[in-house]
Amino acid sequence: MRTNLAEEIKNTSHGKEADAILRKCVHCGFCLATCPTYNLLGDELDSPRGRIYLIKQVLEGTPASAITQSHLDKCLNCRACETTCPVNVDYHRLLDIGTQIVEQQVPRAFTQKVLRSAILTLLPYPSRFTPVLRTAQALRPLLPKSIKAKIPQTDTAQPWPKPKHQRRMLVLGGCVQPGIAPDINAATARVLNQFDISLIEAKQAGCCGAMSYHLNKQQEGLDFMRRNIDAWWPYVEEGCEAILMTASGCGATVKEYGKLLKNDAAYAEKAIQISALTKDLVEVISEQSLEKLAISATESVAFQCPCSLQHAQGLSGAVESLLTRLGFTVNPVEDSHLCCGSAGTYSIFQPELATELGNNKAKALEKTDPDVIGTANIGCMIHLAGKSTRPVKHWIQIIDAAMT
């Protein structure tokens, strides 16, 4: 693709990065077939190729409009297009750069500004989000059915083994997961305990930064990343074996800390090391001696592989393979590459598209009549739980419950 970026951006770090990405695109259109929004809407401007053209126009000096912003906003950032792309166009990075520039040119409506501000003031902070969630859960029986369905049931964490093993790994607590499903990390600790691995949390670590970063508060997102690096660094210096991610969306972001902080002289080297140490949970457990787990695998499982696991981290099929090795019946899922519609805060800002995608995904998952639906990301788990007649759990909870 030929480019002619505007003078004010072409020599900046973002301009050079965007130009290199644009020049890789060969207009082939393979991305259209795997794009969820293009499949639903049939508008090429709601496809990766169409959005690339829109971003190119803005970078070349054409003023952005509300229509431009609308098409970019509808992108799930699922990265299915990257998996399909024959020339490895780094679409999500181009989207990050393009949406930031469009945000500067096109003011948001007042109601949108208020909503975004409220989300970023509440969700990334467990100390704020969890009390609000508990209040909503207490009032849940009194609320209308439509609102009640959006509030997760109360969950409690079962015992977390005390750290006693020489092998130790860190785990990210995250932002909403400690309030919504605190037993995910506790279940992880119990399973890893069987492999003589102790799981610990750095209490000062929190939101991975993705929420702010993808809502065009990039500097705020980078500050969350720096805070996590500071919280983890003493453990790294002590020889921490790995930093585990039980939410694949967070894992996809933390694995990119090295890229996102490459221009920060104080954090660049540390960020690279943090990213190198970061592993999705399935990467760690798959390497262990699975015979140490006494498993009674009686359930059939339909696994929803989150976009952040299969497209961003390239771990498609990893969880399904692990569950099969442990003796579970893993049912095939049609169109497993398509997004469920959760996509971080997407279900808040694009509820109609998110609902349609979620209903389609729930239908595909239930088609083979599984006992339980598994996933690897808290957002997907909550999104699907409100649309499925089957229980929806993190896959580590399924393994933990089957241990005898």
Protein backbone atom coordinates (compact mmCIF):
# COMPACT_ATOMS: atom_id res chain seq x y z
CA MET A 1 0.00 0.00 0.00
CA ARG A 2 1.38 3.40 -0.98
CA THR A 3 1.33 6.06 1.70
CA ASN A 4 1.83 9.80 1.97
CA LEU A 5 1.49 10.63 5.66
CA ALA A 6 0.91 14.22 6.76
CA GLU A 7 4.02 16.19 7.71
CA GLU A 8 3.00 16.60 11.34
CA ILE A 9 2.91 12.84 11.97
CA LYS A 10 5.14 11.05 9.47
CA ASN A 11 8.38 11.56 11.42
CA THR A 12 6.93 10.78 14.85
CA SER A 13 7.36 7.34 16.44
CA HIS A 14 3.66 6.59 15.92
CA GLY A 15 3.80 7.89 12.36
CA LYS A 16 6.76 5.69 11.45
CA GLU A 17 5.12 2.65 13.05
CA ALA A 18 1.80 3.28 11.30
CA ASP A 19 3.50 3.85 7.95
CA ALA A 20 5.33 0.52 8.20
CA ILE A 21 2.08 -1.28 9.04
CA LEU A 22 0.15 0.36 6.21
CA ARG A 23 2.82 -0.51 3.65
CA LYS A 24 2.53 -4.22 4.52
CA CYS A 25 -1.18 -4.38 3.59
CA VAL A 26 -1.73 -5.88 0.11
CA HIS A 27 -5.52 -5.22 -0.11
CA CYS A 28 -6.21 -8.97 -0.41
CA GLY A 29 -9.42 -8.94 1.64
CA PHE A 30 -8.79 -12.25 3.43
CA CYS A 31 -9.55 -10.39 6.66
CA LEU A 32 -13.17 -9.79 5.63
CA ALA A 33 -14.10 -13.46 5.95
CA THR A 34 -13.08 -13.66 9.62
CA CYS A 35 -14.22 -10.21 10.80
CA PRO A 36 -17.26 -10.52 13.12
CA THR A 37 -18.59 -7.01 12.45
CA TYR A 38 -18.28 -7.33 8.68
CA ASN A 39 -20.10 -10.67 8.84
CA LEU A 40 -22.95 -9.05 10.78
CA LEU A 41 -23.17 -5.68 9.04
CA GLY A 42 -21.90 -6.37 5.50
CA ASP A 43 -20.25 -2.93 5.28
CA GLU A 44 -16.63 -2.97 4.22
CA LEU A 45 -15.95 0.09 6.36
CA ASP A 46 -16.78 -2.21 9.27
CA SER A 47 -14.04 -4.62 8.20
CA PRO A 48 -10.29 -4.48 8.90
CA ARG A 49 -9.49 -3.50 5.31
CA GLY A 50 -12.07 -0.71 5.38
CA ARG A 51 -10.84 0.58 8.73
CA ILE A 52 -7.27 0.52 7.46
CA TYR A 53 -8.33 2.81 4.59
CA LEU A 54 -10.10 5.14 7.04
CA ILE A 55 -7.05 5.34 9.29
CA LYS A 56 -4.78 5.87 6.26
CA GLN A 57 -6.91 8.82 5.15
CA VAL A 58 -6.70 10.42 8.59
CA LEU A 59 -2.94 9.89 8.79
CA GLU A 60 -2.58 11.47 5.35
CA GLY A 61 -4.38 14.60 6.51
CA THR A 62 -8.06 14.04 5.74
CA PRO A 63 -10.05 15.33 8.74
CA ALA A 64 -11.76 12.58 10.72
CA SER A 65 -15.54 12.67 11.10
CA ALA A 66 -18.08 11.18 13.47
CA ILE A 67 -18.69 8.52 10.80
CA THR A 68 -15.00 7.61 10.81
CA GLN A 69 -15.11 7.31 14.57
CA SER A 70 -18.25 5.19 14.46
CA HIS A 71 -16.67 2.60 12.16
CA LEU A 72 -13.54 2.40 14.32
CA ASP A 73 -15.61 2.15 17.49
CA LYS A 74 -17.42 -0.90 16.13
CA CYS A 75 -14.16 -2.85 15.89
CA LEU A 76 -13.94 -5.51 18.60
CA ASN A 77 -10.14 -5.53 18.41
CA CYS A 78 -10.49 -9.32 18.38
CA ARG A 79 -7.49 -9.69 16.04
CA ALA A 80 -9.03 -12.54 14.03
CA CYS A 81 -7.91 -10.59 10.98
CA GLU A 82 -4.30 -10.84 12.14
CA THR A 83 -4.56 -14.62 12.33
CA THR A 84 -5.93 -14.67 8.77
CA CYS A 85 -3.62 -12.04 7.23
CA PRO A 86 -1.04 -13.63 4.87
CA VAL A 87 1.45 -10.77 5.34
CA ASN A 88 1.07 -10.31 9.12
CA VAL A 89 -0.33 -6.77 9.16
CA ASP A 90 -0.17 -5.58 12.80
CA TYR A 91 -3.74 -4.31 12.64
CA HIS A 92 -4.35 -3.80 16.35
CA ARG A 93 -1.39 -1.45 16.66
CA LEU A 94 -2.60 0.58 13.68
CA LEU A 95 -6.03 0.75 15.31
CA ASP A 96 -4.48 1.99 18.58
CA ILE A 97 -2.67 4.76 16.71
CA GLY A 98 -5.59 5.68 14.46
CA THR A 99 -8.25 5.82 17.17
CA GLN A 100 -6.05 8.05 19.32
CA ILE A 101 -5.73 10.61 16.51
CA VAL A 102 -9.44 10.41 15.65
CA GLU A 103 -10.28 10.91 19.33
CA GLN A 104 -8.32 14.17 19.27
CA GLN A 105 -10.19 15.41 16.19
CA VAL A 106 -13.76 14.28 16.95
CA PRO A 107 -15.19 15.29 20.35
CA ARG A 108 -17.34 12.70 22.09
CA ALA A 109 -20.93 13.46 23.02
CA PHE A 110 -21.37 14.58 26.63
CA THR A 111 -23.14 11.36 27.63
CA GLN A 112 -20.32 9.29 26.13
CA LYS A 113 -17.72 11.32 28.00
CA VAL A 114 -19.59 10.78 31.28
CA LEU A 115 -19.95 7.04 30.67
CA ARG A 116 -16.30 6.59 29.74
CA SER A 117 -15.19 8.61 32.73
CA ALA A 118 -17.38 6.57 35.06
CA ILE A 119 -16.04 3.29 33.68
CA LEU A 120 -12.41 4.36 33.98
CA THR A 121 -13.00 5.72 37.48
CA LEU A 122 -14.57 2.47 38.69
CA LEU A 123 -13.68 -0.72 36.80
CA PRO A 124 -9.85 -0.68 36.89
CA TYR A 125 -9.82 -0.32 40.69
CA PRO A 126 -10.84 -3.42 42.71
CA SER A 127 -11.17 -1.35 45.89
CA ARG A 128 -13.90 0.70 44.17
CA PHE A 129 -15.49 -1.88 41.89
CA THR A 130 -15.94 -4.73 44.38
CA PRO A 131 -17.98 -2.75 46.96
CA VAL A 132 -20.26 -1.44 44.20
CA LEU A 133 -20.66 -4.99 42.88
CA ARG A 134 -21.49 -6.35 46.34
CA THR A 135 -24.15 -3.68 46.78
CA ALA A 136 -25.67 -4.56 43.41
CA GLN A 137 -25.60 -8.26 44.28
CA ALA A 138 -27.37 -7.58 47.58
CA LEU A 139 -30.10 -5.68 45.74
CA ARG A 140 -30.29 -8.22 42.91
CA PRO A 141 -33.52 -9.95 44.07
CA LEU A 142 -35.33 -6.60 44.03
CA LEU A 143 -34.23 -5.51 40.56
CA PRO A 144 -36.07 -5.93 37.23
CA LYS A 145 -35.21 -9.08 35.30
CA SER A 146 -33.39 -7.14 32.55
CA ILE A 147 -31.02 -5.53 35.07
CA LYS A 148 -30.73 -8.63 37.26
CA ALA A 149 -29.36 -10.61 34.30
CA LYS A 150 -26.43 -8.22 34.02
CA ILE A 151 -25.32 -8.67 37.64
CA PRO A 152 -23.19 -11.77 38.30
CA GLN A 153 -24.11 -14.11 41.13
CA THR A 154 -22.01 -13.80 44.30
CA ASP A 155 -18.91 -15.99 44.22
CA THR A 156 -16.49 -16.75 47.04
CA ALA A 157 -12.94 -18.05 47.00
CA GLN A 158 -12.21 -21.46 48.46
CA PRO A 159 -8.95 -21.96 50.42
CA TRP A 160 -5.72 -20.79 48.81
CA PRO A 161 -2.73 -22.99 49.77
CA LYS A 162 -0.03 -21.26 51.76
CA PRO A 163 3.21 -20.70 49.83
CA LYS A 164 5.56 -23.49 50.91
CA HIS A 165 7.31 -24.69 47.76
CA GLN A 166 10.67 -23.69 46.38
CA ARG A 167 9.07 -23.08 42.97
CA ARG A 168 7.06 -19.86 43.07
CA MET A 169 5.08 -17.97 40.44
CA LEU A 170 3.29 -14.64 40.48
CA VAL A 171 -0.32 -14.23 39.39
CA LEU A 172 -2.07 -11.01 38.41
CA GLY A 173 -5.14 -10.31 40.51
CA GLY A 174 -6.56 -7.91 37.94
CA CYS A 175 -9.37 -5.40 38.27
CA VAL A 176 -12.87 -6.94 38.04
CA GLN A 177 -11.95 -10.62 38.44
CA PRO A 178 -11.25 -10.43 42.21
CA GLY A 179 -14.79 -9.16 42.79
CA ILE A 180 -16.68 -11.24 40.23
CA ALA A 181 -14.85 -14.57 40.41
CA PRO A 182 -12.25 -14.63 43.20
CA ASP A 183 -12.04 -18.42 43.11
CA ILE A 184 -10.35 -18.48 39.68
CA ASN A 185 -6.96 -17.56 41.10
CA ALA A 186 -7.57 -19.65 44.22
CA ALA A 187 -8.38 -22.67 42.02
CA THR A 188 -5.19 -21.96 40.08
CA ALA A 189 -3.21 -21.99 43.33
CA ARG A 190 -4.76 -25.32 44.36
CA VAL A 191 -3.98 -26.96 41.02
CA LEU A 192 -0.41 -25.65 40.91
CA ASN A 193 0.08 -26.83 44.48
CA GLN A 194 -0.21 -30.38 43.14
CA PHE A 195 2.89 -29.68 41.03
CA ASP A 196 4.80 -28.28 44.04
CA ILE A 197 4.43 -24.72 42.77
CA SER A 198 3.33 -21.94 45.11
CA LEU A 199 1.27 -19.11 43.62
CA ILE A 200 1.59 -15.62 45.06
CA GLU A 201 0.12 -12.19 44.33
CA ALA A 202 1.93 -8.88 44.45
CA LYS A 203 -0.67 -6.81 46.27
CA GLN A 204 0.30 -3.52 44.62
CA ALA A 205 -0.33 -4.94 41.13
CA GLY A 206 -3.77 -4.38 39.64
CA CYS A 207 -5.36 -3.54 36.31
CA CYS A 208 -3.13 -4.55 33.40
CA GLY A 209 -3.78 -1.18 31.70
CA ALA A 210 -5.74 -2.49 28.73
CA MET A 211 -9.02 -0.86 29.69
CA SER A 212 -7.64 2.68 29.80
CA TYR A 213 -5.32 2.15 26.85
CA HIS A 214 -8.09 0.96 24.54
CA LEU A 215 -10.46 3.74 25.61
CA ASN A 216 -7.91 6.26 24.32
CA LYS A 217 -6.44 7.07 27.70
CA GLN A 218 -3.08 5.72 26.62
CA GLN A 219 -0.96 7.54 29.19
CA GLU A 220 -3.23 6.35 31.98
CA GLY A 221 -2.95 2.81 30.63
CA LEU A 222 0.84 3.07 30.52
CA ASP A 223 0.84 4.27 34.15
CA PHE A 224 -1.03 1.10 35.17
CA MET A 225 1.62 -0.92 33.33
CA ARG A 226 4.45 0.89 35.11
CA ARG A 227 2.76 0.29 38.47
CA ASN A 228 2.56 -3.43 37.80
CA ILE A 229 6.20 -3.56 36.75
CA ASP A 230 7.18 -1.82 39.99
CA ALA A 231 5.06 -4.27 42.01
CA TRP A 232 6.53 -7.33 40.29
CA TRP A 233 10.12 -6.23 39.99
CA PRO A 234 11.32 -7.25 43.51
CA TYR A 235 10.01 -10.77 42.81
CA VAL A 236 11.75 -10.81 39.44
CA GLU A 237 15.02 -9.88 41.11
CA GLU A 238 14.48 -12.76 43.55
CA GLY A 239 14.20 -15.20 40.65
CA CYS A 240 10.46 -15.37 40.02
CA GLU A 241 9.86 -18.28 37.64
CA ALA A 242 6.90 -16.81 35.75
CA ILE A 243 4.11 -14.24 35.88
CA LEU A 244 0.86 -16.12 35.32
CA MET A 245 -2.25 -14.74 33.67
CA THR A 246 -5.61 -16.36 34.38
CA ALA A 247 -7.44 -13.76 32.25
CA SER A 248 -6.28 -14.10 28.66
CA GLY A 249 -7.18 -10.48 27.89
CA CYS A 250 -4.73 -9.30 30.54
CA GLY A 251 -2.14 -11.77 29.30
CA ALA A 252 -2.34 -10.43 25.77
CA THR A 253 -1.63 -6.93 27.09
CA VAL A 254 1.14 -7.80 29.56
CA LYS A 255 2.93 -9.78 26.87
CA GLU A 256 3.09 -6.50 24.92
CA TYR A 257 4.47 -4.33 27.75
CA GLY A 258 7.86 -4.48 26.06
CA LYS A 259 6.43 -2.98 22.86
CA LEU A 260 4.14 -0.47 24.53
CA LEU A 261 6.87 0.92 26.80
CA LYS A 262 9.71 0.72 24.31
CA ASN A 263 10.12 4.52 24.27
CA ASP A 264 10.19 4.85 28.06
CA ALA A 265 13.85 4.97 29.03
CA ALA A 266 13.13 4.15 32.67
CA TYR A 267 10.94 1.11 31.97
CA ALA A 268 11.81 -0.23 28.51
CA GLU A 269 14.26 -2.92 29.62
CA LYS A 270 12.17 -3.97 32.60
CA ALA A 271 9.05 -4.15 30.41
CA ILE A 272 10.81 -6.48 27.97
CA GLN A 273 11.77 -8.79 30.84
CA ILE A 274 8.26 -8.72 32.32
CA SER A 275 6.75 -9.63 28.95
CA ALA A 276 9.23 -12.49 28.57
CA LEU A 277 8.25 -13.88 31.99
CA THR A 278 4.51 -13.62 31.33
CA LYS A 279 2.71 -16.88 30.59
CA ASP A 280 -0.90 -17.79 30.14
CA LEU A 281 -1.91 -20.41 32.68
CA VAL A 282 -2.35 -23.07 29.99
CA GLU A 283 1.28 -22.65 28.91
CA VAL A 284 2.48 -23.50 32.41
CA ILE A 285 0.16 -26.39 33.25
CA SER A 286 0.66 -28.06 29.87
CA GLU A 287 4.36 -28.40 30.70
CA GLN A 288 3.77 -30.17 34.04
CA SER A 289 3.53 -33.89 34.81
CA LEU A 290 -0.24 -34.19 34.53
CA GLU A 291 -0.30 -37.59 36.24
CA LYS A 292 0.19 -35.69 39.51
CA LEU A 293 -3.41 -34.50 39.18
CA ALA A 294 -5.91 -37.08 40.38
CA ILE A 295 -8.74 -36.20 38.00
CA SER A 296 -12.21 -37.67 37.71
CA ALA A 297 -13.15 -36.17 34.35
CA THR A 298 -16.84 -36.96 34.01
CA GLU A 299 -18.06 -33.75 32.34
CA SER A 300 -18.24 -32.91 28.67
CA VAL A 301 -16.89 -29.43 27.92
CA ALA A 302 -17.50 -26.95 25.12
CA PHE A 303 -14.61 -24.51 25.22
CA GLN A 304 -14.95 -20.92 24.09
CA CYS A 305 -11.44 -19.88 23.13
CA PRO A 306 -11.24 -16.12 23.79
CA CYS A 307 -9.89 -13.95 20.99
CA SER A 308 -7.16 -12.77 23.33
CA LEU A 309 -6.00 -16.37 23.73
CA GLN A 310 -6.25 -17.67 20.17
CA HIS A 311 -5.52 -14.58 18.08
CA ALA A 312 -3.48 -12.29 20.33
CA GLN A 313 -1.44 -14.99 22.09
CA GLY A 314 -1.52 -17.63 19.38
CA LEU A 315 -2.69 -20.38 21.75
CA SER A 316 -5.62 -21.72 19.77
CA GLY A 317 -6.37 -25.31 20.76
CA ALA A 318 -4.03 -25.30 23.78
CA VAL A 319 -6.75 -25.54 26.45
CA GLU A 320 -8.77 -28.05 24.45
CA SER A 321 -5.68 -30.24 24.12
CA LEU A 322 -4.94 -30.01 27.84
CA LEU A 323 -8.51 -30.90 28.84
CA THR A 324 -8.44 -33.86 26.45
CA ARG A 325 -5.17 -35.10 27.95
CA LEU A 326 -6.81 -34.97 31.38
CA GLY A 327 -9.68 -37.16 30.18
CA PHE A 328 -12.44 -34.62 29.60
CA THR A 329 -14.72 -34.95 26.61
CA VAL A 330 -14.16 -31.74 24.63
CA ASN A 331 -16.96 -31.01 22.19
CA PRO A 332 -16.17 -29.23 18.89
CA VAL A 333 -17.51 -25.69 18.51
CA GLU A 334 -18.62 -24.22 15.18
CA ASP A 335 -17.01 -20.94 14.11
CA SER A 336 -14.72 -21.09 17.12
CA HIS A 337 -12.61 -18.26 15.64
CA LEU A 338 -15.44 -15.72 16.02
CA CYS A 339 -15.63 -13.30 18.95
CA CYS A 340 -18.29 -13.72 21.64
CA GLY A 341 -18.86 -9.95 21.73
CA SER A 342 -17.50 -9.21 25.19
CA ALA A 343 -14.23 -7.62 24.07
CA GLY A 344 -13.42 -5.68 27.23
CA THR A 345 -15.85 -2.77 27.46
CA TYR A 346 -17.28 -3.37 23.97
CA SER A 347 -20.48 -4.90 25.37
CA ILE A 348 -21.11 -1.61 27.22
CA PHE A 349 -20.57 0.68 24.25
CA GLN A 350 -21.94 -1.54 21.46
CA PRO A 351 -24.66 -3.53 23.25
CA GLU A 352 -26.64 -4.54 20.18
CA LEU A 353 -23.68 -5.99 18.29
CA ALA A 354 -22.29 -7.56 21.47
CA THR A 355 -25.63 -9.20 22.25
CA GLU A 356 -26.00 -10.65 18.77
CA LEU A 357 -22.46 -12.01 18.83
CA GLY A 358 -22.97 -13.39 22.33
CA ASN A 359 -26.21 -15.14 21.41
CA ASN A 360 -24.56 -16.65 18.33
CA LYS A 361 -21.63 -17.89 20.40
CA ALA A 362 -23.86 -19.35 23.12
CA LYS A 363 -25.90 -21.19 20.48
CA ALA A 364 -22.74 -22.64 18.91
CA LEU A 365 -21.38 -23.71 22.31
CA GLU A 366 -24.64 -25.39 23.35
CA LYS A 367 -25.17 -27.17 20.03
CA THR A 368 -23.30 -30.30 21.18
CA ASP A 369 -25.13 -30.39 24.54
CA PRO A 370 -22.10 -30.00 26.87
CA ASP A 371 -22.31 -30.33 30.64
CA VAL A 372 -20.32 -27.13 31.10
CA ILE A 373 -18.92 -24.28 28.99
CA GLY A 374 -15.31 -23.36 29.64
CA THR A 375 -13.46 -20.17 28.84
CA ALA A 376 -10.20 -18.43 29.72
CA ASN A 377 -11.20 -14.80 30.22
CA ILE A 378 -13.37 -13.17 32.86
CA GLY A 379 -15.12 -10.82 30.42
CA CYS A 380 -16.15 -13.68 28.12
CA MET A 381 -17.25 -15.72 31.12
CA ILE A 382 -19.65 -13.06 32.39
CA HIS A 383 -20.89 -12.14 28.91
CA LEU A 384 -21.76 -15.74 28.06
CA ALA A 385 -23.18 -16.61 31.47
CA GLY A 386 -26.10 -14.29 30.82
CA LYS A 387 -26.84 -15.93 27.48
CA SER A 388 -26.29 -19.63 28.09
CA THR A 389 -28.45 -22.29 29.73
CA ARG A 390 -25.27 -24.16 30.73
CA PRO A 391 -22.90 -23.18 33.54
CA VAL A 392 -19.98 -21.10 32.30
CA LYS A 393 -16.68 -21.47 34.16
CA HIS A 394 -13.02 -20.75 33.76
CA TRP A 395 -11.32 -23.93 32.57
CA ILE A 396 -9.09 -24.07 35.66
CA GLN A 397 -12.23 -24.23 37.82
CA ILE A 398 -13.38 -27.25 35.81
CA ILE A 399 -10.07 -29.00 36.49
CA ASP A 400 -10.06 -28.00 40.16
CA ALA A 401 -13.58 -29.34 40.69
CA ALA A 402 -12.61 -32.66 39.09
CA MET A 403 -9.63 -33.24 41.39
CA THR A 404 -10.21 -36.10 43.84
